[in-house]
Amino acid sequence: MKPYQPEGIWEAVAMPQSNTKNYKQDTGEALYRRSIYTFWKRTAAPPTMEILDAPTREIFCLQRARTNTPLQALALMNDPQFVEATRNLAAKALAEQQGFDERLDLISLRLLTRKFDTAEREIVKETLDAALEHYTAKPEEARLAIATGESKAPETIPAPELAAWSLVASQLFNLDETVTR
């Protein structure tokens, strides 16, 4: 599979006669296959995999190092595959659950395999309320926030609500607990 990548990713490191000089991102179902199937060019590993400390292919690795760096946080919050994934997780929570607690439980169980305690819920609720207020006041920003990726946002969910829940899902996806455990 060939996931989202920066434009021109391979041109700088490719031999002029290379048949893989130009990167062509997959589309449809192929775009969403597991990362284990990612096409890996020897001279240009997928940037997100490098940022998230994937081992090189030259040696066998029994256990990966556990790290959590600012660059990883930036990738998890801005890389199209993660933005799209958190939007889809938020859409699932909004479509399948009715209340705040039930929606938060769906997201936290998916990401952390646990439910949040009362203090954590209050923090998430404050974030959600602020995001809802912001995106309701600026609906165009909400539409832009949920437009990333090949898959389309469900039209049955109001853009401000989906954008706010996507932001919450992204923040939870970026917790140290989610990244390193």
C-alpha atoms as a PDB file:
ATOM      1  CA  MET A   1       0.000   0.000   0.000  1.00  0.00           C
ATOM      2  CA  LYS A   2       1.081   3.525  -0.662  1.00  0.00           C
ATOM      3  CA  PRO A   3      -0.372   5.908   1.949  1.00  0.00           C
ATOM      4  CA  TYR A   4      -0.549   9.685   1.981  1.00  0.00           C
ATOM      5  CA  GLN A   5       2.944  11.137   1.533  1.00  0.00           C
ATOM      6  CA  PRO A   6       4.391  14.591   0.892  1.00  0.00           C
ATOM      7  CA  GLU A   7       4.526  15.521  -2.777  1.00  0.00           C
ATOM      8  CA  GLY A   8       7.842  14.739  -4.470  1.00  0.00           C
ATOM      9  CA  ILE A   9       8.857  12.326  -1.699  1.00  0.00           C
ATOM     10  CA  TRP A  10      10.986  10.057  -3.882  1.00  0.00           C
ATOM     11  CA  GLU A  11      12.215  12.330  -6.652  1.00  0.00           C
ATOM     12  CA  ALA A  12      15.101  13.716  -4.589  1.00  0.00           C
ATOM     13  CA  VAL A  13      16.545  10.288  -3.758  1.00  0.00           C
ATOM     14  CA  ALA A  14      15.689   8.309  -6.893  1.00  0.00           C
ATOM     15  CA  MET A  15      18.101   7.320  -9.611  1.00  0.00           C
ATOM     16  CA  PRO A  16      17.151   8.928 -12.947  1.00  0.00           C
ATOM     17  CA  GLN A  17      16.358   5.529 -14.484  1.00  0.00           C
ATOM     18  CA  SER A  18      14.385   4.270 -11.456  1.00  0.00           C
ATOM     19  CA  ASN A  19      10.949   2.821 -12.133  1.00  0.00           C
ATOM     20  CA  THR A  20       9.829   4.027  -8.674  1.00  0.00           C
ATOM     21  CA  LYS A  21      11.001   7.616  -9.081  1.00  0.00           C
ATOM     22  CA  ASN A  22       7.476   9.026  -8.932  1.00  0.00           C
ATOM     23  CA  TYR A  23       5.334   8.231  -5.919  1.00  0.00           C
ATOM     24  CA  LYS A  24       1.699   7.481  -6.718  1.00  0.00           C
ATOM     25  CA  GLN A  25      -0.544   7.286  -3.669  1.00  0.00           C
ATOM     26  CA  ASP A  26      -3.080   4.457  -3.540  1.00  0.00           C
ATOM     27  CA  THR A  27      -6.789   5.184  -3.681  1.00  0.00           C
ATOM     28  CA  GLY A  28      -9.931   3.478  -2.439  1.00  0.00           C
ATOM     29  CA  GLU A  29      -9.628   0.387  -0.242  1.00  0.00           C
ATOM     30  CA  ALA A  30      -5.911  -0.015  -0.994  1.00  0.00           C
ATOM     31  CA  LEU A  31      -5.217   3.300   0.767  1.00  0.00           C
ATOM     32  CA  TYR A  32      -6.578   1.894   4.032  1.00  0.00           C
ATOM     33  CA  ARG A  33      -4.683  -1.393   4.273  1.00  0.00           C
ATOM     34  CA  ARG A  34      -2.565  -2.068   7.341  1.00  0.00           C
ATOM     35  CA  SER A  35       0.793  -0.301   7.553  1.00  0.00           C
ATOM     36  CA  ILE A  36       2.590  -3.641   7.513  1.00  0.00           C
ATOM     37  CA  TYR A  37       1.908  -3.657   3.765  1.00  0.00           C
ATOM     38  CA  THR A  38       3.383  -0.200   3.153  1.00  0.00           C
ATOM     39  CA  PHE A  39       5.684  -0.004   0.141  1.00  0.00           C
ATOM     40  CA  TRP A  40       9.110   0.874   1.503  1.00  0.00           C
ATOM     41  CA  LYS A  41      11.686   2.316  -0.877  1.00  0.00           C
ATOM     42  CA  ARG A  42      15.166   1.457   0.372  1.00  0.00           C
ATOM     43  CA  THR A  43      16.446   5.026   0.003  1.00  0.00           C
ATOM     44  CA  ALA A  44      13.301   6.738   1.289  1.00  0.00           C
ATOM     45  CA  ALA A  45      11.427   5.078   4.120  1.00  0.00           C
ATOM     46  CA  PRO A  46       7.899   6.394   4.758  1.00  0.00           C
ATOM     47  CA  PRO A  47       8.429   9.589   6.797  1.00  0.00           C
ATOM     48  CA  THR A  48       5.691   8.838   9.328  1.00  0.00           C
ATOM     49  CA  MET A  49       7.198   5.427  10.030  1.00  0.00           C
ATOM     50  CA  GLU A  50      10.593   7.023  10.610  1.00  0.00           C
ATOM     51  CA  ILE A  51       9.083   9.689  12.863  1.00  0.00           C
ATOM     52  CA  LEU A  52       7.328   6.972  14.885  1.00  0.00           C
ATOM     53  CA  ASP A  53      10.639   5.077  15.224  1.00  0.00           C
ATOM     54  CA  ALA A  54       9.964   2.140  12.937  1.00  0.00           C
ATOM     55  CA  PRO A  55      13.139   0.058  12.812  1.00  0.00           C
ATOM     56  CA  THR A  56      15.133  -0.072   9.605  1.00  0.00           C
ATOM     57  CA  ARG A  57      14.791  -3.126   7.420  1.00  0.00           C
ATOM     58  CA  GLU A  58      18.483  -3.998   7.636  1.00  0.00           C
ATOM     59  CA  ILE A  59      18.221  -5.649  11.050  1.00  0.00           C
ATOM     60  CA  PHE A  60      15.715  -7.705  12.986  1.00  0.00           C
ATOM     61  CA  CYS A  61      14.063  -5.975  15.929  1.00  0.00           C
ATOM     62  CA  LEU A  62      12.541  -7.860  18.859  1.00  0.00           C
ATOM     63  CA  GLN A  63      11.093  -4.821  20.598  1.00  0.00           C
ATOM     64  CA  ARG A  64      10.761  -1.259  19.396  1.00  0.00           C
ATOM     65  CA  ALA A  65      11.979   1.644  21.481  1.00  0.00           C
ATOM     66  CA  ARG A  66       9.274   3.562  23.323  1.00  0.00           C
ATOM     67  CA  THR A  67       9.491   7.233  22.518  1.00  0.00           C
ATOM     68  CA  ASN A  68       7.167  10.172  22.412  1.00  0.00           C
ATOM     69  CA  THR A  69       8.640  13.267  20.798  1.00  0.00           C
ATOM     70  CA  PRO A  70       7.231  16.623  19.703  1.00  0.00           C
ATOM     71  CA  LEU A  71       7.749  15.607  16.067  1.00  0.00           C
ATOM     72  CA  GLN A  72       5.654  12.494  16.658  1.00  0.00           C
ATOM     73  CA  ALA A  73       2.914  14.649  18.166  1.00  0.00           C
ATOM     74  CA  LEU A  74       2.980  16.933  15.120  1.00  0.00           C
ATOM     75  CA  ALA A  75       2.688  13.935  12.803  1.00  0.00           C
ATOM     76  CA  LEU A  76      -0.178  12.417  14.808  1.00  0.00           C
ATOM     77  CA  MET A  77      -2.073  15.715  14.776  1.00  0.00           C
ATOM     78  CA  ASN A  78      -1.405  16.734  11.165  1.00  0.00           C
ATOM     79  CA  ASP A  79      -0.621  13.743   8.956  1.00  0.00           C
ATOM     80  CA  PRO A  80      -3.652  13.179   6.691  1.00  0.00           C
ATOM     81  CA  GLN A  81      -3.939   9.498   7.621  1.00  0.00           C
ATOM     82  CA  PHE A  82      -4.245  10.325  11.329  1.00  0.00           C
ATOM     83  CA  VAL A  83      -6.526  13.341  10.805  1.00  0.00           C
ATOM     84  CA  GLU A  84      -8.788  11.157   8.661  1.00  0.00           C
ATOM     85  CA  ALA A  85      -8.656   8.289  11.159  1.00  0.00           C
ATOM     86  CA  THR A  86      -9.642  10.477  14.111  1.00  0.00           C
ATOM     87  CA  ARG A  87     -12.449  12.045  12.063  1.00  0.00           C
ATOM     88  CA  ASN A  88     -13.789   8.595  11.223  1.00  0.00           C
ATOM     89  CA  LEU A  89     -13.533   7.527  14.867  1.00  0.00           C
ATOM     90  CA  ALA A  90     -15.451  10.653  15.898  1.00  0.00           C
ATOM     91  CA  ALA A  91     -18.081   9.977  13.224  1.00  0.00           C
ATOM     92  CA  LYS A  92     -18.482   6.428  14.517  1.00  0.00           C
ATOM     93  CA  ALA A  93     -18.973   7.699  18.077  1.00  0.00           C
ATOM     94  CA  LEU A  94     -21.516  10.289  16.930  1.00  0.00           C
ATOM     95  CA  ALA A  95     -23.430   7.787  14.802  1.00  0.00           C
ATOM     96  CA  GLU A  96     -23.515   4.950  17.331  1.00  0.00           C
ATOM     97  CA  GLN A  97     -23.847   6.725  20.688  1.00  0.00           C
ATOM     98  CA  GLN A  98     -26.146   9.456  21.990  1.00  0.00           C
ATOM     99  CA  GLY A  99     -24.631  11.147  25.053  1.00  0.00           C
ATOM    100  CA  PHE A 100     -21.265  12.689  25.833  1.00  0.00           C
ATOM    101  CA  ASP A 101     -20.224   9.906  28.216  1.00  0.00           C
ATOM    102  CA  GLU A 102     -21.175   7.121  25.814  1.00  0.00           C
ATOM    103  CA  ARG A 103     -19.352   8.770  22.913  1.00  0.00           C
ATOM    104  CA  LEU A 104     -16.271   9.403  25.028  1.00  0.00           C
ATOM    105  CA  ASP A 105     -16.353   5.796  26.236  1.00  0.00           C
ATOM    106  CA  LEU A 106     -16.429   4.503  22.661  1.00  0.00           C
ATOM    107  CA  ILE A 107     -13.399   6.612  21.726  1.00  0.00           C
ATOM    108  CA  SER A 108     -11.408   5.950  24.898  1.00  0.00           C
ATOM    109  CA  LEU A 109     -12.073   2.211  24.782  1.00  0.00           C
ATOM    110  CA  ARG A 110     -10.872   2.104  21.178  1.00  0.00           C
ATOM    111  CA  LEU A 111      -7.726   4.100  21.872  1.00  0.00           C
ATOM    112  CA  LEU A 112      -6.846   3.235  25.465  1.00  0.00           C
ATOM    113  CA  THR A 113      -8.925   0.131  26.267  1.00  0.00           C
ATOM    114  CA  ARG A 114     -10.253   1.904  29.340  1.00  0.00           C
ATOM    115  CA  LYS A 115     -12.871   4.453  30.321  1.00  0.00           C
ATOM    116  CA  PHE A 116     -11.943   7.864  31.650  1.00  0.00           C
ATOM    117  CA  ASP A 117     -12.418   8.799  35.287  1.00  0.00           C
ATOM    118  CA  THR A 118     -14.480  11.818  36.366  1.00  0.00           C
ATOM    119  CA  ALA A 119     -11.586  14.305  36.394  1.00  0.00           C
ATOM    120  CA  GLU A 120     -10.473  13.244  32.900  1.00  0.00           C
ATOM    121  CA  ARG A 121     -14.041  13.485  31.613  1.00  0.00           C
ATOM    122  CA  GLU A 122     -14.305  17.068  32.872  1.00  0.00           C
ATOM    123  CA  ILE A 123     -11.147  18.061  30.989  1.00  0.00           C
ATOM    124  CA  VAL A 124     -12.379  16.434  27.776  1.00  0.00           C
ATOM    125  CA  LYS A 125     -15.806  18.068  28.217  1.00  0.00           C
ATOM    126  CA  GLU A 126     -14.185  21.512  28.535  1.00  0.00           C
ATOM    127  CA  THR A 127     -12.197  20.886  25.354  1.00  0.00           C
ATOM    128  CA  LEU A 128     -15.272  19.651  23.493  1.00  0.00           C
ATOM    129  CA  ASP A 129     -17.392  22.610  24.618  1.00  0.00           C
ATOM    130  CA  ALA A 130     -14.710  25.119  23.553  1.00  0.00           C
ATOM    131  CA  ALA A 131     -14.294  23.384  20.174  1.00  0.00           C
ATOM    132  CA  LEU A 132     -18.068  23.255  19.627  1.00  0.00           C
ATOM    133  CA  GLU A 133     -18.352  26.955  20.410  1.00  0.00           C
ATOM    134  CA  HIS A 134     -15.484  27.783  18.040  1.00  0.00           C
ATOM    135  CA  TYR A 135     -16.696  25.627  15.138  1.00  0.00           C
ATOM    136  CA  THR A 136     -20.322  26.722  15.548  1.00  0.00           C
ATOM    137  CA  ALA A 137     -19.207  30.352  15.259  1.00  0.00           C
ATOM    138  CA  LYS A 138     -16.965  29.508  12.271  1.00  0.00           C
ATOM    139  CA  PRO A 139     -18.702  26.798  10.219  1.00  0.00           C
ATOM    140  CA  GLU A 140     -16.297  27.190   7.284  1.00  0.00           C
ATOM    141  CA  GLU A 141     -13.403  26.241   9.579  1.00  0.00           C
ATOM    142  CA  ALA A 142     -15.419  23.203  10.677  1.00  0.00           C
ATOM    143  CA  ARG A 143     -15.913  22.128   7.058  1.00  0.00           C
ATOM    144  CA  LEU A 144     -12.183  22.530   6.392  1.00  0.00           C
ATOM    145  CA  ALA A 145     -11.306  20.598   9.552  1.00  0.00           C
ATOM    146  CA  ILE A 146     -13.276  17.548   8.414  1.00  0.00           C
ATOM    147  CA  ALA A 147     -12.272  17.653   4.739  1.00  0.00           C
ATOM    148  CA  THR A 148      -8.882  15.938   5.048  1.00  0.00           C
ATOM    149  CA  GLY A 149      -8.433  12.569   3.406  1.00  0.00           C
ATOM    150  CA  GLU A 150      -9.929  10.598   0.576  1.00  0.00           C
ATOM    151  CA  SER A 151     -12.920   9.344   2.569  1.00  0.00           C
ATOM    152  CA  LYS A 152     -15.741  11.822   2.865  1.00  0.00           C
ATOM    153  CA  ALA A 153     -17.221  13.048   6.129  1.00  0.00           C
ATOM    154  CA  PRO A 154     -20.814  11.890   6.680  1.00  0.00           C
ATOM    155  CA  GLU A 155     -23.260  14.572   5.634  1.00  0.00           C
ATOM    156  CA  THR A 156     -25.751  13.447   8.287  1.00  0.00           C
ATOM    157  CA  ILE A 157     -23.568  14.852  11.075  1.00  0.00           C
ATOM    158  CA  PRO A 158     -23.342  18.649  11.419  1.00  0.00           C
ATOM    159  CA  ALA A 159     -19.836  19.836  10.487  1.00  0.00           C
ATOM    160  CA  PRO A 160     -19.233  21.800  13.735  1.00  0.00           C
ATOM    161  CA  GLU A 161     -20.128  18.778  15.878  1.00  0.00           C
ATOM    162  CA  LEU A 162     -17.981  16.379  13.831  1.00  0.00           C
ATOM    163  CA  ALA A 163     -15.058  18.814  13.793  1.00  0.00           C
ATOM    164  CA  ALA A 164     -15.241  19.266  17.577  1.00  0.00           C
ATOM    165  CA  TRP A 165     -15.396  15.526  18.256  1.00  0.00           C
ATOM    166  CA  SER A 166     -12.606  14.947  15.723  1.00  0.00           C
ATOM    167  CA  LEU A 167     -10.440  17.388  17.669  1.00  0.00           C
ATOM    168  CA  VAL A 168     -11.192  15.502  20.886  1.00  0.00           C
ATOM    169  CA  ALA A 169     -10.407  12.155  19.242  1.00  0.00           C
ATOM    170  CA  SER A 170      -7.155  13.592  17.895  1.00  0.00           C
ATOM    171  CA  GLN A 171      -6.112  14.821  21.324  1.00  0.00           C
ATOM    172  CA  LEU A 172      -6.868  11.449  22.892  1.00  0.00           C
ATOM    173  CA  PHE A 173      -5.015   9.713  20.074  1.00  0.00           C
ATOM    174  CA  ASN A 174      -2.031  11.895  20.927  1.00  0.00           C
ATOM    175  CA  LEU A 175      -1.877  11.054  24.629  1.00  0.00           C
ATOM    176  CA  ASP A 176       1.385   9.517  25.801  1.00  0.00           C
ATOM    177  CA  GLU A 177      -0.680   6.592  27.068  1.00  0.00           C
ATOM    178  CA  THR A 178      -2.050   5.984  23.584  1.00  0.00           C
ATOM    179  CA  VAL A 179       1.246   6.414  21.755  1.00  0.00           C
ATOM    180  CA  THR A 180       3.568   4.374  23.972  1.00  0.00           C
ATOM    181  CA  ARG A 181       1.420   1.566  25.348  1.00  0.00           C
END
